[in-house]
Amino acid sequence: MRKVILALVFLFALVGTHHAVAQEATKEGKENQVESKRHQRKADRIKKKEERKQKKAEEKAIKEHHKRLQSKAVLKRMKKNKKRDKQNNSKNVN
């Protein structure tokens, strides 16, 4: 009888310590998962920030290009008008 009780106590002691060790491992795993998720979110934020920065730079370059084209067209038009006005004024003076 005594041996049976000792065997049961021994088994309960083994199961109890195994359960406690398993819980500690789970806690560490969850902490690592939380850290991992934080790092992942931070990496995602940095990636999105870089993408936005690149997109803004691209849009700015396009805007500058269109502005330059528009300025070029305006200058051409002004030159053409100046030439036309010169011809018209010279006709009126004679």
PDB file of N, CA and C in Angstrom:
ATOM      1  N   MET A   1       0.823  -1.185   0.000  1.00  0.00           N
ATOM      2  CA  MET A   1       0.000   0.000   0.000  1.00  0.00           C
ATOM      3  C   MET A   1       0.873   1.256   0.000  1.00  0.00           C
ATOM      4  N   ARG A   2       1.869   1.189   0.817  1.00  0.00           N
ATOM      5  CA  ARG A   2       2.762   2.322   0.901  1.00  0.00           C
ATOM      6  C   ARG A   2       3.450   2.589  -0.427  1.00  0.00           C
ATOM      7  N   LYS A   3       3.838   1.546  -1.123  1.00  0.00           N
ATOM      8  CA  LYS A   3       4.507   1.686  -2.411  1.00  0.00           C
ATOM      9  C   LYS A   3       3.576   2.324  -3.447  1.00  0.00           C
ATOM     10  N   VAL A   4       2.317   1.959  -3.399  1.00  0.00           N
ATOM     11  CA  VAL A   4       1.330   2.505  -4.332  1.00  0.00           C
ATOM     12  C   VAL A   4       1.156   4.004  -4.094  1.00  0.00           C
ATOM     13  N   ILE A   5       1.059   4.388  -2.820  1.00  0.00           N
ATOM     14  CA  ILE A   5       0.897   5.802  -2.488  1.00  0.00           C
ATOM     15  C   ILE A   5       2.136   6.581  -2.912  1.00  0.00           C
ATOM     16  N   LEU A   6       3.296   6.039  -2.656  1.00  0.00           N
ATOM     17  CA  LEU A   6       4.538   6.705  -3.060  1.00  0.00           C
ATOM     18  C   LEU A   6       4.609   6.824  -4.594  1.00  0.00           C
ATOM     19  N   ALA A   7       4.182   5.794  -5.274  1.00  0.00           N
ATOM     20  CA  ALA A   7       4.186   5.828  -6.739  1.00  0.00           C
ATOM     21  C   ALA A   7       3.230   6.902  -7.254  1.00  0.00           C
ATOM     22  N   LEU A   8       2.036   6.995  -6.656  1.00  0.00           N
ATOM     23  CA  LEU A   8       1.075   8.027  -7.057  1.00  0.00           C
ATOM     24  C   LEU A   8       1.614   9.433  -6.776  1.00  0.00           C
ATOM     25  N   VAL A   9       2.193   9.640  -5.622  1.00  0.00           N
ATOM     26  CA  VAL A   9       2.761  10.943  -5.275  1.00  0.00           C
ATOM     27  C   VAL A   9       3.870  11.288  -6.266  1.00  0.00           C
ATOM     28  N   PHE A  10       4.686  10.325  -6.568  1.00  0.00           N
ATOM     29  CA  PHE A  10       5.782  10.541  -7.520  1.00  0.00           C
ATOM     30  C   PHE A  10       5.235  10.919  -8.906  1.00  0.00           C
ATOM     31  N   LEU A  11       4.182  10.212  -9.337  1.00  0.00           N
ATOM     32  CA  LEU A  11       3.583  10.522 -10.639  1.00  0.00           C
ATOM     33  C   LEU A  11       2.961  11.912 -10.643  1.00  0.00           C
ATOM     34  N   PHE A  12       2.247  12.267  -9.570  1.00  0.00           N
ATOM     35  CA  PHE A  12       1.650  13.604  -9.492  1.00  0.00           C
ATOM     36  C   PHE A  12       2.732  14.692  -9.492  1.00  0.00           C
ATOM     37  N   ALA A  13       3.831  14.414  -8.818  1.00  0.00           N
ATOM     38  CA  ALA A  13       4.933  15.377  -8.770  1.00  0.00           C
ATOM     39  C   ALA A  13       5.515  15.569 -10.170  1.00  0.00           C
ATOM     40  N   LEU A  14       5.665  14.485 -10.903  1.00  0.00           N
ATOM     41  CA  LEU A  14       6.195  14.584 -12.273  1.00  0.00           C
ATOM     42  C   LEU A  14       5.250  15.360 -13.184  1.00  0.00           C
ATOM     43  N   VAL A  15       3.960  15.041 -13.107  1.00  0.00           N
ATOM     44  CA  VAL A  15       2.975  15.703 -13.953  1.00  0.00           C
ATOM     45  C   VAL A  15       2.890  17.186 -13.590  1.00  0.00           C
ATOM     46  N   GLY A  16       2.913  17.520 -12.330  1.00  0.00           N
ATOM     47  CA  GLY A  16       2.820  18.908 -11.875  1.00  0.00           C
ATOM     48  C   GLY A  16       4.008  19.732 -12.346  1.00  0.00           C
ATOM     49  N   THR A  17       5.205  19.193 -12.236  1.00  0.00           N
ATOM     50  CA  THR A  17       6.375  19.961 -12.678  1.00  0.00           C
ATOM     51  C   THR A  17       6.401  20.072 -14.195  1.00  0.00           C
ATOM     52  N   HIS A  18       5.963  19.044 -14.849  1.00  0.00           N
ATOM     53  CA  HIS A  18       5.924  19.091 -16.322  1.00  0.00           C
ATOM     54  C   HIS A  18       4.947  20.174 -16.782  1.00  0.00           C
ATOM     55  N   HIS A  19       3.805  20.272 -16.089  1.00  0.00           N
ATOM     56  CA  HIS A  19       2.798  21.283 -16.432  1.00  0.00           C
ATOM     57  C   HIS A  19       3.368  22.690 -16.212  1.00  0.00           C
ATOM     58  N   ALA A  20       4.093  22.894 -15.122  1.00  0.00           N
ATOM     59  CA  ALA A  20       4.671  24.208 -14.828  1.00  0.00           C
ATOM     60  C   ALA A  20       5.725  24.574 -15.876  1.00  0.00           C
ATOM     61  N   VAL A  21       6.530  23.629 -16.266  1.00  0.00           N
ATOM     62  CA  VAL A  21       7.561  23.873 -17.286  1.00  0.00           C
ATOM     63  C   VAL A  21       6.895  24.202 -18.611  1.00  0.00           C
ATOM     64  N   ALA A  22       5.836  23.513 -18.922  1.00  0.00           N
ATOM     65  CA  ALA A  22       5.123  23.769 -20.171  1.00  0.00           C
ATOM     66  C   ALA A  22       4.532  25.176 -20.175  1.00  0.00           C
ATOM     67  N   GLN A  23       4.002  25.611 -19.040  1.00  0.00           N
ATOM     68  CA  GLN A  23       3.435  26.965 -18.965  1.00  0.00           C
ATOM     69  C   GLN A  23       4.523  28.022 -19.146  1.00  0.00           C
ATOM     70  N   GLU A  24       5.695  27.829 -18.550  1.00  0.00           N
ATOM     71  CA  GLU A  24       6.791  28.782 -18.700  1.00  0.00           C
ATOM     72  C   GLU A  24       7.225  28.865 -20.160  1.00  0.00           C
ATOM     73  N   ALA A  25       7.293  27.729 -20.801  1.00  0.00           N
ATOM     74  CA  ALA A  25       7.686  27.724 -22.208  1.00  0.00           C
ATOM     75  C   ALA A  25       6.661  28.470 -23.051  1.00  0.00           C
ATOM     76  N   THR A  26       5.397  28.309 -22.726  1.00  0.00           N
ATOM     77  CA  THR A  26       4.336  29.001 -23.461  1.00  0.00           C
ATOM     78  C   THR A  26       4.440  30.500 -23.243  1.00  0.00           C
ATOM     79  N   LYS A  27       4.715  30.938 -22.016  1.00  0.00           N
ATOM     80  CA  LYS A  27       4.854  32.364 -21.744  1.00  0.00           C
ATOM     81  C   LYS A  27       6.000  32.946 -22.553  1.00  0.00           C
ATOM     82  N   GLU A  28       7.123  32.260 -22.575  1.00  0.00           N
ATOM     83  CA  GLU A  28       8.271  32.737 -23.339  1.00  0.00           C
ATOM     84  C   GLU A  28       7.931  32.793 -24.824  1.00  0.00           C
ATOM     85  N   GLY A  29       7.201  31.791 -25.284  1.00  0.00           N
ATOM     86  CA  GLY A  29       6.794  31.768 -26.691  1.00  0.00           C
ATOM     87  C   GLY A  29       5.903  32.946 -27.028  1.00  0.00           C
ATOM     88  N   LYS A  30       4.964  33.261 -26.135  1.00  0.00           N
ATOM     89  CA  LYS A  30       4.062  34.394 -26.368  1.00  0.00           C
ATOM     90  C   LYS A  30       4.834  35.706 -26.365  1.00  0.00           C
ATOM     91  N   GLU A  31       5.796  35.844 -25.445  1.00  0.00           N
ATOM     92  CA  GLU A  31       6.600  37.063 -25.406  1.00  0.00           C
ATOM     93  C   GLU A  31       7.386  37.218 -26.706  1.00  0.00           C
ATOM     94  N   ASN A  32       7.921  36.103 -27.178  1.00  0.00           N
ATOM     95  CA  ASN A  32       8.663  36.161 -28.436  1.00  0.00           C
ATOM     96  C   ASN A  32       7.738  36.506 -29.591  1.00  0.00           C
ATOM     97  N   GLN A  33       6.518  35.974 -29.549  1.00  0.00           N
ATOM     98  CA  GLN A  33       5.563  36.286 -30.601  1.00  0.00           C
ATOM     99  C   GLN A  33       5.205  37.767 -30.571  1.00  0.00           C
ATOM    100  N   VAL A  34       5.027  38.320 -29.367  1.00  0.00           N
ATOM    101  CA  VAL A  34       4.693  39.736 -29.227  1.00  0.00           C
ATOM    102  C   VAL A  34       5.845  40.572 -29.773  1.00  0.00           C
ATOM    103  N   GLU A  35       7.081  40.229 -29.390  1.00  0.00           N
ATOM    104  CA  GLU A  35       8.251  40.947 -29.900  1.00  0.00           C
ATOM    105  C   GLU A  35       8.314  40.829 -31.416  1.00  0.00           C
ATOM    106  N   SER A  36       8.048  39.634 -31.896  1.00  0.00           N
ATOM    107  CA  SER A  36       8.093  39.399 -33.334  1.00  0.00           C
ATOM    108  C   SER A  36       7.046  40.249 -34.039  1.00  0.00           C
ATOM    109  N   LYS A  37       5.839  40.309 -33.480  1.00  0.00           N
ATOM    110  CA  LYS A  37       4.777  41.112 -34.081  1.00  0.00           C
ATOM    111  C   LYS A  37       5.141  42.590 -34.069  1.00  0.00           C
ATOM    112  N   ARG A  38       5.744  43.036 -32.967  1.00  0.00           N
ATOM    113  CA  ARG A  38       6.167  44.449 -32.889  1.00  0.00           C
ATOM    114  C   ARG A  38       7.189  44.757 -33.962  1.00  0.00           C
ATOM    115  N   HIS A  39       8.166  43.873 -34.080  1.00  0.00           N
ATOM    116  CA  HIS A  39       9.190  44.089 -35.096  1.00  0.00           C
ATOM    117  C   HIS A  39       8.583  44.065 -36.486  1.00  0.00           C
ATOM    118  N   GLN A  40       7.629  43.178 -36.690  1.00  0.00           N
ATOM    119  CA  GLN A  40       6.979  43.075 -38.001  1.00  0.00           C
ATOM    120  C   GLN A  40       6.208  44.358 -38.309  1.00  0.00           C
ATOM    121  N   ARG A  41       5.454  44.878 -37.318  1.00  0.00           N
ATOM    122  CA  ARG A  41       4.709  46.125 -37.525  1.00  0.00           C
ATOM    123  C   ARG A  41       5.655  47.284 -37.804  1.00  0.00           C
ATOM    124  N   LYS A  42       6.748  47.323 -37.070  1.00  0.00           N
ATOM    125  CA  LYS A  42       7.732  48.390 -37.274  1.00  0.00           C
ATOM    126  C   LYS A  42       8.331  48.293 -38.675  1.00  0.00           C
ATOM    127  N   ALA A  43       8.665  47.091 -39.091  1.00  0.00           N
ATOM    128  CA  ALA A  43       9.213  46.897 -40.431  1.00  0.00           C
ATOM    129  C   ALA A  43       8.189  47.305 -41.490  1.00  0.00           C
ATOM    130  N   ASP A  44       6.922  46.966 -41.260  1.00  0.00           N
ATOM    131  CA  ASP A  44       5.865  47.353 -42.200  1.00  0.00           C
ATOM    132  C   ASP A  44       5.730  48.868 -42.281  1.00  0.00           C
ATOM    133  N   ARG A  45       5.788  49.544 -41.116  1.00  0.00           N
ATOM    134  CA  ARG A  45       5.698  51.008 -41.105  1.00  0.00           C
ATOM    135  C   ARG A  45       6.854  51.628 -41.892  1.00  0.00           C
ATOM    136  N   ILE A  46       8.040  51.122 -41.676  1.00  0.00           N
ATOM    137  CA  ILE A  46       9.210  51.653 -42.381  1.00  0.00           C
ATOM    138  C   ILE A  46       9.075  51.426 -43.878  1.00  0.00           C
ATOM    139  N   LYS A  47       8.604  50.243 -44.247  1.00  0.00           N
ATOM    140  CA  LYS A  47       8.436  49.914 -45.664  1.00  0.00           C
ATOM    141  C   LYS A  47       7.402  50.843 -46.310  1.00  0.00           C
ATOM    142  N   LYS A  48       6.275  51.036 -45.638  1.00  0.00           N
ATOM    143  CA  LYS A  48       5.228  51.915 -46.176  1.00  0.00           C
ATOM    144  C   LYS A  48       5.727  53.350 -46.278  1.00  0.00           C
ATOM    145  N   LYS A  49       6.502  53.784 -45.283  1.00  0.00           N
ATOM    146  CA  LYS A  49       7.040  55.142 -45.297  1.00  0.00           C
ATOM    147  C   LYS A  49       7.953  55.330 -46.512  1.00  0.00           C
ATOM    148  N   GLU A  50       8.796  54.348 -46.770  1.00  0.00           N
ATOM    149  CA  GLU A  50       9.685  54.416 -47.932  1.00  0.00           C
ATOM    150  C   GLU A  50       8.882  54.426 -49.238  1.00  0.00           C
ATOM    151  N   GLU A  51       7.828  53.603 -49.286  1.00  0.00           N
ATOM    152  CA  GLU A  51       6.991  53.565 -50.486  1.00  0.00           C
ATOM    153  C   GLU A  51       6.315  54.921 -50.713  1.00  0.00           C
ATOM    154  N   ARG A  52       5.784  55.521 -49.633  1.00  0.00           N
ATOM    155  CA  ARG A  52       5.146  56.840 -49.754  1.00  0.00           C
ATOM    156  C   ARG A  52       6.155  57.887 -50.205  1.00  0.00           C
ATOM    157  N   LYS A  53       7.352  57.821 -49.638  1.00  0.00           N
ATOM    158  CA  LYS A  53       8.397  58.773 -50.000  1.00  0.00           C
ATOM    159  C   LYS A  53       8.755  58.643 -51.482  1.00  0.00           C
ATOM    160  N   GLN A  54       8.878  57.410 -51.941  1.00  0.00           N
ATOM    161  CA  GLN A  54       9.204  57.162 -53.344  1.00  0.00           C
ATOM    162  C   GLN A  54       8.069  57.634 -54.257  1.00  0.00           C
ATOM    163  N   LYS A  55       6.835  57.362 -53.851  1.00  0.00           N
ATOM    164  CA  LYS A  55       5.677  57.770 -54.645  1.00  0.00           C
ATOM    165  C   LYS A  55       5.600  59.292 -54.735  1.00  0.00           C
ATOM    166  N   LYS A  56       5.821  59.987 -53.600  1.00  0.00           N
ATOM    167  CA  LYS A  56       5.795  61.444 -53.595  1.00  0.00           C
ATOM    168  C   LYS A  56       6.881  62.003 -54.514  1.00  0.00           C
ATOM    169  N   ALA A  57       8.065  61.404 -54.463  1.00  0.00           N
ATOM    170  CA  ALA A  57       9.166  61.873 -55.306  1.00  0.00           C
ATOM    171  C   ALA A  57       8.824  61.694 -56.782  1.00  0.00           C
ATOM    172  N   GLU A  58       8.199  60.562 -57.095  1.00  0.00           N
ATOM    173  CA  GLU A  58       7.800  60.292 -58.476  1.00  0.00           C
ATOM    174  C   GLU A  58       6.750  61.304 -58.943  1.00  0.00           C
ATOM    175  N   GLU A  59       5.750  61.561 -58.091  1.00  0.00           N
ATOM    176  CA  GLU A  59       4.711  62.540 -58.435  1.00  0.00           C
ATOM    177  C   GLU A  59       5.305  63.937 -58.613  1.00  0.00           C
ATOM    178  N   LYS A  60       6.258  64.272 -57.758  1.00  0.00           N
ATOM    179  CA  LYS A  60       6.903  65.580 -57.844  1.00  0.00           C
ATOM    180  C   LYS A  60       7.679  65.700 -59.155  1.00  0.00           C
ATOM    181  N   ALA A  61       8.379  64.628 -59.537  1.00  0.00           N
ATOM    182  CA  ALA A  61       9.141  64.645 -60.779  1.00  0.00           C
ATOM    183  C   ALA A  61       8.206  64.825 -61.974  1.00  0.00           C
ATOM    184  N   ILE A  62       7.079  64.134 -61.950  1.00  0.00           N
ATOM    185  CA  ILE A  62       6.099  64.262 -63.037  1.00  0.00           C
ATOM    186  C   ILE A  62       5.568  65.690 -63.096  1.00  0.00           C
ATOM    187  N   LYS A  63       5.256  66.244 -61.922  1.00  0.00           N
ATOM    188  CA  LYS A  63       4.725  67.608 -61.859  1.00  0.00           C
ATOM    189  C   LYS A  63       5.749  68.611 -62.399  1.00  0.00           C
ATOM    190  N   GLU A  64       6.999  68.452 -62.010  1.00  0.00           N
ATOM    191  CA  GLU A  64       8.060  69.342 -62.496  1.00  0.00           C
ATOM    192  C   GLU A  64       8.227  69.218 -64.007  1.00  0.00           C
ATOM    193  N   HIS A  65       8.130  68.004 -64.506  1.00  0.00           N
ATOM    194  CA  HIS A  65       8.259  67.779 -65.952  1.00  0.00           C
ATOM    195  C   HIS A  65       7.133  68.487 -66.705  1.00  0.00           C
ATOM    196  N   HIS A  66       5.918  68.337 -66.228  1.00  0.00           N
ATOM    197  CA  HIS A  66       4.780  68.990 -66.875  1.00  0.00           C
ATOM    198  C   HIS A  66       4.913  70.518 -66.787  1.00  0.00           C
ATOM    199  N   LYS A  67       5.388  70.970 -65.656  1.00  0.00           N
ATOM    200  CA  LYS A  67       5.574  72.403 -65.471  1.00  0.00           C
ATOM    201  C   LYS A  67       6.605  72.932 -66.478  1.00  0.00           C
ATOM    202  N   ARG A  68       7.690  72.178 -66.651  1.00  0.00           N
ATOM    203  CA  ARG A  68       8.726  72.580 -67.593  1.00  0.00           C
ATOM    204  C   ARG A  68       8.191  72.585 -69.018  1.00  0.00           C
ATOM    205  N   LEU A  69       7.399  71.553 -69.359  1.00  0.00           N
ATOM    206  CA  LEU A  69       6.801  71.503 -70.693  1.00  0.00           C
ATOM    207  C   LEU A  69       5.851  72.675 -70.898  1.00  0.00           C
ATOM    208  N   GLN A  70       5.064  72.956 -69.870  1.00  0.00           N
ATOM    209  CA  GLN A  70       4.104  74.057 -69.977  1.00  0.00           C
ATOM    210  C   GLN A  70       4.849  75.382 -70.137  1.00  0.00           C
ATOM    211  N   SER A  71       5.911  75.580 -69.379  1.00  0.00           N
ATOM    212  CA  SER A  71       6.695  76.809 -69.474  1.00  0.00           C
ATOM    213  C   SER A  71       7.285  76.943 -70.868  1.00  0.00           C
ATOM    214  N   LYS A  72       7.765  75.827 -71.407  1.00  0.00           N
ATOM    215  CA  LYS A  72       8.347  75.835 -72.747  1.00  0.00           C
ATOM    216  C   LYS A  72       7.293  76.240 -73.780  1.00  0.00           C
ATOM    217  N   ALA A  73       6.099  75.690 -73.632  1.00  0.00           N
ATOM    218  CA  ALA A  73       5.014  76.017 -74.563  1.00  0.00           C
ATOM    219  C   ALA A  73       4.631  77.488 -74.439  1.00  0.00           C
ATOM    220  N   VAL A  74       4.590  77.990 -73.220  1.00  0.00           N
ATOM    221  CA  VAL A  74       4.227  79.388 -72.999  1.00  0.00           C
ATOM    222  C   VAL A  74       5.281  80.296 -73.618  1.00  0.00           C
ATOM    223  N   LEU A  75       6.541  79.951 -73.420  1.00  0.00           N
ATOM    224  CA  LEU A  75       7.609  80.769 -74.001  1.00  0.00           C
ATOM    225  C   LEU A  75       7.539  80.782 -75.527  1.00  0.00           C
ATOM    226  N   LYS A  76       7.259  79.631 -76.108  1.00  0.00           N
ATOM    227  CA  LYS A  76       7.115  79.565 -77.565  1.00  0.00           C
ATOM    228  C   LYS A  76       5.955  80.436 -78.036  1.00  0.00           C
ATOM    229  N   ARG A  77       4.837  80.340 -77.327  1.00  0.00           N
ATOM    230  CA  ARG A  77       3.667  81.135 -77.685  1.00  0.00           C
ATOM    231  C   ARG A  77       3.960  82.633 -77.559  1.00  0.00           C
ATOM    232  N   MET A  78       4.647  82.998 -76.493  1.00  0.00           N
ATOM    233  CA  MET A  78       4.990  84.406 -76.294  1.00  0.00           C
ATOM    234  C   MET A  78       5.915  84.906 -77.406  1.00  0.00           C
ATOM    235  N   LYS A  79       6.876  84.080 -77.798  1.00  0.00           N
ATOM    236  CA  LYS A  79       7.794  84.459 -78.874  1.00  0.00           C
ATOM    237  C   LYS A  79       7.035  84.632 -80.188  1.00  0.00           C
ATOM    238  N   LYS A  80       6.113  83.705 -80.446  1.00  0.00           N
ATOM    239  CA  LYS A  80       5.305  83.763 -81.661  1.00  0.00           C
ATOM    240  C   LYS A  80       4.441  85.035 -81.665  1.00  0.00           C
ATOM    241  N   ASN A  81       3.809  85.329 -80.524  1.00  0.00           N
ATOM    242  CA  ASN A  81       2.980  86.536 -80.409  1.00  0.00           C
ATOM    243  C   ASN A  81       3.822  87.801 -80.575  1.00  0.00           C
ATOM    244  N   LYS A  82       5.008  87.792 -79.999  1.00  0.00           N
ATOM    245  CA  LYS A  82       5.883  88.957 -80.115  1.00  0.00           C
ATOM    246  C   LYS A  82       6.251  89.203 -81.579  1.00  0.00           C
ATOM    247  N   LYS A  83       6.573  88.121 -82.275  1.00  0.00           N
ATOM    248  CA  LYS A  83       6.927  88.224 -83.697  1.00  0.00           C
ATOM    249  C   LYS A  83       5.730  88.752 -84.502  1.00  0.00           C
ATOM    250  N   ARG A  84       4.539  88.206 -84.206  1.00  0.00           N
ATOM    251  CA  ARG A  84       3.327  88.630 -84.905  1.00  0.00           C
ATOM    252  C   ARG A  84       3.014  90.103 -84.621  1.00  0.00           C
ATOM    253  N   ASP A  85       3.154  90.476 -83.351  1.00  0.00           N
ATOM    254  CA  ASP A  85       2.887  91.864 -82.975  1.00  0.00           C
ATOM    255  C   ASP A  85       3.881  92.819 -83.639  1.00  0.00           C
ATOM    256  N   LYS A  86       5.115  92.414 -83.726  1.00  0.00           N
ATOM    257  CA  LYS A  86       6.129  93.237 -84.377  1.00  0.00           C
ATOM    258  C   LYS A  86       5.755  93.488 -85.839  1.00  0.00           C
ATOM    259  N   GLN A  87       5.320  92.431 -86.511  1.00  0.00           N
ATOM    260  CA  GLN A  87       4.943  92.558 -87.911  1.00  0.00           C
ATOM    261  C   GLN A  87       3.725  93.474 -88.061  1.00  0.00           C
ATOM    262  N   ASN A  88       2.735  93.299 -87.196  1.00  0.00           N
ATOM    263  CA  ASN A  88       1.538  94.128 -87.251  1.00  0.00           C
ATOM    264  C   ASN A  88       1.849  95.608 -86.951  1.00  0.00           C
ATOM    265  N   ASN A  89       2.699  95.842 -85.972  1.00  0.00           N
ATOM    266  CA  ASN A  89       3.050  97.210 -85.612  1.00  0.00           C
ATOM    267  C   ASN A  89       3.857  97.890 -86.732  1.00  0.00           C
ATOM    268  N   SER A  90       4.714  97.132 -87.370  1.00  0.00           N
ATOM    269  CA  SER A  90       5.517  97.720 -88.435  1.00  0.00           C
ATOM    270  C   SER A  90       4.637  98.085 -89.630  1.00  0.00           C
ATOM    271  N   LYS A  91       3.576  97.311 -89.856  1.00  0.00           N
ATOM    272  CA  LYS A  91       2.648  97.615 -90.950  1.00  0.00           C
ATOM    273  C   LYS A  91       1.878  98.891 -90.645  1.00  0.00           C
ATOM    274  N   ASN A  92       1.497  99.087 -89.390  1.00  0.00           N
ATOM    275  CA  ASN A  92       0.704 100.245 -88.991  1.00  0.00           C
ATOM    276  C   ASN A  92       1.527 101.526 -88.998  1.00  0.00           C
ATOM    277  N   VAL A  93       2.794 101.452 -88.757  1.00  0.00           N
ATOM    278  CA  VAL A  93       3.646 102.620 -88.688  1.00  0.00           C
ATOM    279  C   VAL A  93       3.872 103.197 -90.083  1.00  0.00           C
ATOM    280  N   ASN A  94       3.987 102.411 -91.102  1.00  0.00           N
ATOM    281  CA  ASN A  94       4.248 102.866 -92.471  1.00  0.00           C
ATOM    282  C   ASN A  94       3.079 103.515 -93.046  1.00  0.00           C
TER     283      ASN A  94
END
